[in-house]
N, C-alpha and C. Protein backbone atom coordinates (compact mmCIF):
# COMPACT_ATOMS: atom_id res chain seq x y z
N MET A 1 0.81 -1.18 0.00
CA MET A 1 0.00 0.00 0.00
C MET A 1 0.86 1.26 0.00
N GLU A 2 2.03 1.16 0.58
CA GLU A 2 2.85 2.36 0.74
C GLU A 2 3.35 2.89 -0.59
N ASN A 3 3.62 2.01 -1.55
CA ASN A 3 4.19 2.46 -2.80
C ASN A 3 3.25 2.13 -3.96
N LEU A 4 2.48 3.10 -4.39
CA LEU A 4 1.53 2.89 -5.46
C LEU A 4 2.23 2.61 -6.79
N THR A 5 3.44 3.11 -6.95
CA THR A 5 4.20 2.84 -8.18
C THR A 5 4.48 1.36 -8.31
N GLU A 6 4.83 0.69 -7.22
CA GLU A 6 5.07 -0.76 -7.27
C GLU A 6 3.81 -1.51 -7.66
N ILE A 7 2.65 -1.07 -7.18
CA ILE A 7 1.38 -1.69 -7.58
C ILE A 7 1.17 -1.52 -9.08
N ASN A 8 1.43 -0.32 -9.60
CA ASN A 8 1.27 -0.07 -11.03
C ASN A 8 2.20 -0.94 -11.87
N ILE A 9 3.43 -1.09 -11.44
CA ILE A 9 4.39 -1.92 -12.17
C ILE A 9 3.94 -3.37 -12.19
N ALA A 10 3.50 -3.88 -11.05
CA ALA A 10 3.03 -5.27 -10.98
C ALA A 10 1.80 -5.46 -11.86
N LEU A 11 0.91 -4.49 -11.85
CA LEU A 11 -0.30 -4.58 -12.66
C LEU A 11 0.04 -4.53 -14.15
N ALA A 12 0.93 -3.64 -14.54
CA ALA A 12 1.33 -3.54 -15.95
C ALA A 12 1.94 -4.85 -16.43
N SER A 13 2.76 -5.45 -15.59
CA SER A 13 3.37 -6.74 -15.92
C SER A 13 2.30 -7.82 -16.10
N THR A 14 1.32 -7.81 -15.23
CA THR A 14 0.24 -8.80 -15.30
C THR A 14 -0.62 -8.57 -16.54
N LEU A 15 -0.91 -7.33 -16.86
CA LEU A 15 -1.74 -7.02 -18.02
C LEU A 15 -1.11 -7.52 -19.32
N ARG A 16 0.22 -7.51 -19.39
CA ARG A 16 0.91 -8.00 -20.59
C ARG A 16 0.75 -9.49 -20.77
N THR A 17 0.49 -10.22 -19.70
CA THR A 17 0.43 -11.68 -19.79
C THR A 17 -0.99 -12.24 -19.85
N ILE A 18 -2.00 -11.40 -19.62
CA ILE A 18 -3.38 -11.87 -19.61
C ILE A 18 -3.88 -12.09 -21.03
N GLU A 19 -4.45 -13.26 -21.23
CA GLU A 19 -5.07 -13.55 -22.51
C GLU A 19 -6.53 -13.87 -22.26
N SER A 20 -7.39 -13.37 -23.13
CA SER A 20 -8.80 -13.73 -23.05
C SER A 20 -9.36 -13.72 -24.45
N PRO A 21 -10.36 -14.55 -24.68
CA PRO A 21 -10.96 -14.60 -26.02
C PRO A 21 -11.52 -13.24 -26.42
N PRO A 22 -11.43 -12.88 -27.70
CA PRO A 22 -11.97 -11.60 -28.15
C PRO A 22 -13.47 -11.50 -27.83
N GLY A 23 -13.89 -10.32 -27.42
CA GLY A 23 -15.30 -10.11 -27.13
C GLY A 23 -15.74 -10.52 -25.73
N GLU A 24 -14.88 -11.21 -25.01
CA GLU A 24 -15.22 -11.60 -23.64
C GLU A 24 -15.11 -10.39 -22.74
N PRO A 25 -16.10 -10.19 -21.85
CA PRO A 25 -16.00 -9.05 -20.94
C PRO A 25 -14.83 -9.22 -19.97
N ARG A 26 -14.18 -8.11 -19.68
CA ARG A 26 -13.09 -8.12 -18.72
C ARG A 26 -13.44 -7.15 -17.61
N ARG A 27 -13.22 -7.60 -16.38
CA ARG A 27 -13.50 -6.74 -15.23
C ARG A 27 -12.31 -6.78 -14.27
N CYS A 28 -12.06 -5.61 -13.69
CA CYS A 28 -11.02 -5.50 -12.67
C CYS A 28 -11.66 -4.86 -11.45
N CYS A 29 -11.59 -5.53 -10.33
CA CYS A 29 -12.17 -5.01 -9.09
C CYS A 29 -11.03 -4.59 -8.15
N ILE A 30 -10.99 -3.32 -7.83
CA ILE A 30 -9.96 -2.79 -6.96
C ILE A 30 -10.52 -2.76 -5.54
N GLN A 31 -10.05 -3.67 -4.72
CA GLN A 31 -10.58 -3.80 -3.36
C GLN A 31 -9.76 -3.06 -2.32
N ILE A 32 -8.72 -2.37 -2.73
CA ILE A 32 -7.84 -1.71 -1.77
C ILE A 32 -8.09 -0.21 -1.68
N ILE A 33 -9.20 0.26 -2.26
CA ILE A 33 -9.47 1.70 -2.29
C ILE A 33 -9.48 2.31 -0.88
N SER A 34 -10.20 1.69 0.05
CA SER A 34 -10.26 2.25 1.40
C SER A 34 -8.88 2.32 2.04
N ASP A 35 -8.07 1.29 1.85
CA ASP A 35 -6.73 1.28 2.41
C ASP A 35 -5.85 2.38 1.79
N VAL A 36 -5.96 2.53 0.47
CA VAL A 36 -5.18 3.57 -0.20
C VAL A 36 -5.62 4.95 0.27
N LEU A 37 -6.93 5.14 0.38
CA LEU A 37 -7.44 6.43 0.87
C LEU A 37 -6.94 6.74 2.28
N LEU A 38 -6.93 5.75 3.14
CA LEU A 38 -6.47 5.97 4.51
C LEU A 38 -5.00 6.36 4.54
N GLN A 39 -4.20 5.71 3.71
CA GLN A 39 -2.76 5.96 3.74
C GLN A 39 -2.36 7.20 2.93
N HIS A 40 -2.98 7.39 1.76
CA HIS A 40 -2.51 8.43 0.84
C HIS A 40 -3.45 9.63 0.71
N LYS A 41 -4.60 9.56 1.35
CA LYS A 41 -5.60 10.64 1.30
C LYS A 41 -6.17 10.79 -0.12
N ALA A 42 -7.14 11.67 -0.26
CA ALA A 42 -7.92 11.76 -1.49
C ALA A 42 -7.11 12.23 -2.70
N LEU A 43 -6.28 13.24 -2.54
CA LEU A 43 -5.56 13.80 -3.68
C LEU A 43 -4.66 12.76 -4.35
N GLN A 44 -3.82 12.10 -3.56
CA GLN A 44 -2.91 11.10 -4.13
C GLN A 44 -3.67 9.90 -4.67
N THR A 45 -4.72 9.48 -3.98
CA THR A 45 -5.53 8.35 -4.45
C THR A 45 -6.18 8.68 -5.78
N ARG A 46 -6.70 9.89 -5.89
CA ARG A 46 -7.34 10.31 -7.13
C ARG A 46 -6.33 10.35 -8.28
N LYS A 47 -5.13 10.87 -8.03
CA LYS A 47 -4.09 10.89 -9.07
C LYS A 47 -3.74 9.47 -9.51
N TRP A 48 -3.61 8.57 -8.55
CA TRP A 48 -3.28 7.18 -8.85
C TRP A 48 -4.37 6.55 -9.70
N LEU A 49 -5.62 6.70 -9.29
CA LEU A 49 -6.74 6.13 -10.04
C LEU A 49 -6.91 6.78 -11.40
N ALA A 50 -6.63 8.07 -11.51
CA ALA A 50 -6.75 8.78 -12.79
C ALA A 50 -5.76 8.24 -13.83
N GLY A 51 -4.66 7.67 -13.38
CA GLY A 51 -3.72 7.02 -14.28
C GLY A 51 -4.05 5.55 -14.49
N LEU A 52 -4.55 4.91 -13.47
CA LEU A 52 -4.81 3.47 -13.51
C LEU A 52 -6.05 3.12 -14.33
N ILE A 53 -7.13 3.83 -14.14
CA ILE A 53 -8.40 3.48 -14.80
C ILE A 53 -8.28 3.56 -16.32
N PRO A 54 -7.70 4.62 -16.90
CA PRO A 54 -7.55 4.64 -18.36
C PRO A 54 -6.66 3.50 -18.88
N GLU A 55 -5.65 3.14 -18.11
CA GLU A 55 -4.78 2.03 -18.51
C GLU A 55 -5.58 0.73 -18.58
N LEU A 56 -6.41 0.50 -17.58
CA LEU A 56 -7.25 -0.70 -17.58
C LEU A 56 -8.27 -0.66 -18.72
N LYS A 57 -8.84 0.51 -18.96
CA LYS A 57 -9.81 0.65 -20.07
C LYS A 57 -9.14 0.35 -21.41
N SER A 58 -7.90 0.78 -21.57
CA SER A 58 -7.20 0.54 -22.83
C SER A 58 -6.99 -0.95 -23.08
N HIS A 59 -7.04 -1.75 -22.03
CA HIS A 59 -6.93 -3.21 -22.15
C HIS A 59 -8.31 -3.87 -22.14
N GLY A 60 -9.36 -3.07 -22.25
CA GLY A 60 -10.71 -3.61 -22.36
C GLY A 60 -11.39 -3.95 -21.05
N PHE A 61 -10.89 -3.43 -19.94
CA PHE A 61 -11.47 -3.75 -18.63
C PHE A 61 -12.52 -2.73 -18.22
N THR A 62 -13.58 -3.24 -17.60
CA THR A 62 -14.49 -2.42 -16.84
C THR A 62 -13.94 -2.44 -15.43
N THR A 63 -13.72 -1.29 -14.85
CA THR A 63 -13.07 -1.20 -13.55
C THR A 63 -14.10 -0.95 -12.45
N LEU A 64 -14.06 -1.79 -11.45
CA LEU A 64 -14.94 -1.68 -10.29
C LEU A 64 -14.08 -1.40 -9.06
N ALA A 65 -14.68 -0.75 -8.09
CA ALA A 65 -13.96 -0.47 -6.85
C ALA A 65 -14.85 -0.84 -5.68
N VAL A 66 -14.22 -1.25 -4.61
CA VAL A 66 -14.91 -1.53 -3.36
C VAL A 66 -14.38 -0.53 -2.34
N ALA A 67 -15.29 0.22 -1.74
CA ALA A 67 -14.89 1.20 -0.74
C ALA A 67 -15.93 1.23 0.36
N ASP A 68 -15.48 1.43 1.57
CA ASP A 68 -16.38 1.57 2.70
C ASP A 68 -16.54 3.05 2.98
N PRO A 69 -17.68 3.64 2.56
CA PRO A 69 -17.84 5.08 2.74
C PRO A 69 -17.91 5.51 4.20
N GLY A 70 -18.16 4.56 5.09
CA GLY A 70 -18.21 4.88 6.51
C GLY A 70 -16.83 5.13 7.11
N MET A 71 -15.77 4.76 6.39
CA MET A 71 -14.41 4.94 6.88
C MET A 71 -13.80 6.29 6.48
N HIS A 72 -14.49 7.03 5.61
CA HIS A 72 -13.91 8.23 5.02
C HIS A 72 -14.92 9.37 5.04
N SER A 73 -14.42 10.58 4.89
CA SER A 73 -15.32 11.72 4.78
C SER A 73 -16.05 11.66 3.44
N ALA A 74 -17.19 12.30 3.38
CA ALA A 74 -17.97 12.33 2.14
C ALA A 74 -17.16 12.95 1.00
N GLU A 75 -16.34 13.95 1.29
CA GLU A 75 -15.52 14.60 0.28
C GLU A 75 -14.50 13.64 -0.32
N GLU A 76 -13.86 12.82 0.53
CA GLU A 76 -12.88 11.87 0.03
C GLU A 76 -13.55 10.83 -0.87
N VAL A 77 -14.68 10.33 -0.45
CA VAL A 77 -15.39 9.32 -1.24
C VAL A 77 -15.82 9.91 -2.58
N ARG A 78 -16.40 11.10 -2.59
CA ARG A 78 -16.84 11.73 -3.84
C ARG A 78 -15.65 11.98 -4.77
N ALA A 79 -14.51 12.33 -4.19
CA ALA A 79 -13.33 12.66 -5.00
C ALA A 79 -12.88 11.48 -5.85
N ILE A 80 -13.09 10.28 -5.37
CA ILE A 80 -12.64 9.12 -6.16
C ILE A 80 -13.77 8.45 -6.92
N LEU A 81 -14.99 8.45 -6.38
CA LEU A 81 -16.08 7.77 -7.07
C LEU A 81 -16.39 8.38 -8.42
N ASP A 82 -16.20 9.67 -8.56
CA ASP A 82 -16.49 10.33 -9.82
C ASP A 82 -15.57 9.89 -10.96
N LEU A 83 -14.47 9.23 -10.66
CA LEU A 83 -13.57 8.74 -11.69
C LEU A 83 -14.11 7.50 -12.40
N PHE A 84 -15.01 6.79 -11.75
CA PHE A 84 -15.55 5.55 -12.29
C PHE A 84 -16.80 5.82 -13.13
N ASP A 85 -17.14 4.88 -14.01
CA ASP A 85 -18.29 5.05 -14.90
C ASP A 85 -19.63 4.83 -14.21
N GLY A 86 -19.61 4.27 -13.03
CA GLY A 86 -20.86 4.02 -12.34
C GLY A 86 -20.66 3.95 -10.84
N GLU A 87 -21.80 3.89 -10.17
CA GLU A 87 -21.77 3.79 -8.70
C GLU A 87 -22.94 2.94 -8.25
N VAL A 88 -22.63 1.95 -7.44
CA VAL A 88 -23.63 1.05 -6.89
C VAL A 88 -23.43 1.04 -5.38
N SER A 89 -24.52 1.07 -4.64
CA SER A 89 -24.39 1.01 -3.19
C SER A 89 -25.24 -0.12 -2.63
N ILE A 90 -24.75 -0.72 -1.57
CA ILE A 90 -25.50 -1.73 -0.82
C ILE A 90 -25.80 -1.11 0.52
N GLN A 91 -27.08 -1.09 0.85
CA GLN A 91 -27.51 -0.47 2.10
C GLN A 91 -28.20 -1.51 2.97
N GLU A 92 -27.95 -1.41 4.26
CA GLU A 92 -28.63 -2.28 5.22
C GLU A 92 -29.71 -1.46 5.90
N LYS A 93 -30.95 -1.84 5.64
CA LYS A 93 -32.09 -1.11 6.20
C LYS A 93 -32.31 -1.50 7.66
N LYS A 94 -32.50 -2.78 7.88
CA LYS A 94 -32.65 -3.34 9.22
C LYS A 94 -31.76 -4.57 9.29
N GLU A 95 -31.67 -5.14 10.44
CA GLU A 95 -30.85 -6.34 10.61
C GLU A 95 -31.26 -7.39 9.58
N GLY A 96 -30.33 -7.75 8.71
CA GLY A 96 -30.58 -8.80 7.73
C GLY A 96 -31.30 -8.35 6.47
N GLU A 97 -31.74 -7.11 6.38
CA GLU A 97 -32.41 -6.61 5.18
C GLU A 97 -31.47 -5.66 4.44
N ARG A 98 -31.03 -6.10 3.28
CA ARG A 98 -30.12 -5.29 2.49
C ARG A 98 -30.72 -5.03 1.12
N SER A 99 -30.33 -3.91 0.54
CA SER A 99 -30.80 -3.60 -0.81
C SER A 99 -29.64 -3.06 -1.64
N LEU A 100 -29.78 -3.23 -2.94
CA LEU A 100 -28.80 -2.76 -3.89
C LEU A 100 -29.43 -1.63 -4.69
N ARG A 101 -28.67 -0.57 -4.90
CA ARG A 101 -29.17 0.55 -5.69
C ARG A 101 -28.07 1.03 -6.61
N VAL A 102 -28.40 1.10 -7.90
CA VAL A 102 -27.48 1.67 -8.88
C VAL A 102 -27.73 3.16 -8.89
N LYS A 103 -26.71 3.93 -8.53
CA LYS A 103 -26.86 5.39 -8.45
C LYS A 103 -26.59 6.05 -9.79
N ARG A 104 -25.65 5.50 -10.54
CA ARG A 104 -25.37 6.01 -11.88
C ARG A 104 -24.58 4.95 -12.64
N MET A 105 -24.71 4.98 -13.98
CA MET A 105 -24.00 4.03 -14.82
C MET A 105 -23.90 4.67 -16.21
N THR A 106 -22.73 5.12 -16.57
CA THR A 106 -22.52 5.82 -17.83
C THR A 106 -22.75 4.88 -19.01
N ASP A 107 -23.54 5.34 -19.97
CA ASP A 107 -23.80 4.61 -21.22
C ASP A 107 -24.39 3.22 -21.02
N GLN A 108 -25.09 2.99 -19.92
CA GLN A 108 -25.73 1.71 -19.67
C GLN A 108 -27.14 1.94 -19.16
N GLU A 109 -28.06 1.08 -19.57
CA GLU A 109 -29.39 1.14 -19.00
C GLU A 109 -29.36 0.38 -17.67
N TYR A 110 -30.11 0.86 -16.70
CA TYR A 110 -30.15 0.19 -15.42
C TYR A 110 -31.46 0.50 -14.71
N VAL A 111 -31.79 -0.33 -13.74
CA VAL A 111 -32.99 -0.15 -12.94
C VAL A 111 -32.70 0.90 -11.88
N GLU A 112 -33.53 1.92 -11.80
CA GLU A 112 -33.28 3.01 -10.86
C GLU A 112 -33.82 2.71 -9.46
N ASN A 113 -34.71 1.75 -9.33
CA ASN A 113 -35.28 1.42 -8.03
C ASN A 113 -34.33 0.53 -7.24
N GLU A 114 -34.45 0.60 -5.91
CA GLU A 114 -33.68 -0.31 -5.06
C GLU A 114 -34.15 -1.74 -5.30
N MET A 115 -33.21 -2.67 -5.20
CA MET A 115 -33.54 -4.08 -5.34
C MET A 115 -33.13 -4.81 -4.07
N PRO A 116 -34.05 -5.61 -3.50
CA PRO A 116 -33.69 -6.34 -2.28
C PRO A 116 -32.64 -7.39 -2.57
N LEU A 117 -31.75 -7.59 -1.63
CA LEU A 117 -30.73 -8.63 -1.73
C LEU A 117 -31.09 -9.77 -0.80
N GLY A 118 -30.73 -10.95 -1.19
CA GLY A 118 -30.98 -12.11 -0.33
C GLY A 118 -30.11 -12.06 0.91
N ARG A 119 -30.43 -12.90 1.84
CA ARG A 119 -29.65 -12.98 3.08
C ARG A 119 -28.27 -13.53 2.81
N PRO A 120 -27.25 -13.00 3.47
CA PRO A 120 -25.90 -13.53 3.29
C PRO A 120 -25.84 -14.97 3.80
N GLN A 121 -25.11 -15.78 3.06
CA GLN A 121 -24.98 -17.20 3.42
C GLN A 121 -23.79 -17.41 4.31
């Protein structure tokens, strides 16, 4: 987490070796967003993502991120979420009742209403 350049180098190396059939969807899920935000704050995280996301797009990836908005200020979360093409949130209404809501999705049709999620297994 301390050196984002090392993460970029490792990712670039991996991208050169990945093969997938033409036309197959490619997705990359970045699960370290909250950790990067905690260590590097919003400005550095945004700069890192602003370089990383176009690189992944150039290789045909749809980039997803996992972030816990409860760990960060609203300003930090907004600063990075706007870099992505969409935003989906999972909300817990009551104990065991969760719903999924697509807040935005660039160039994609989506259901605007909340959708209930099943109980975690």
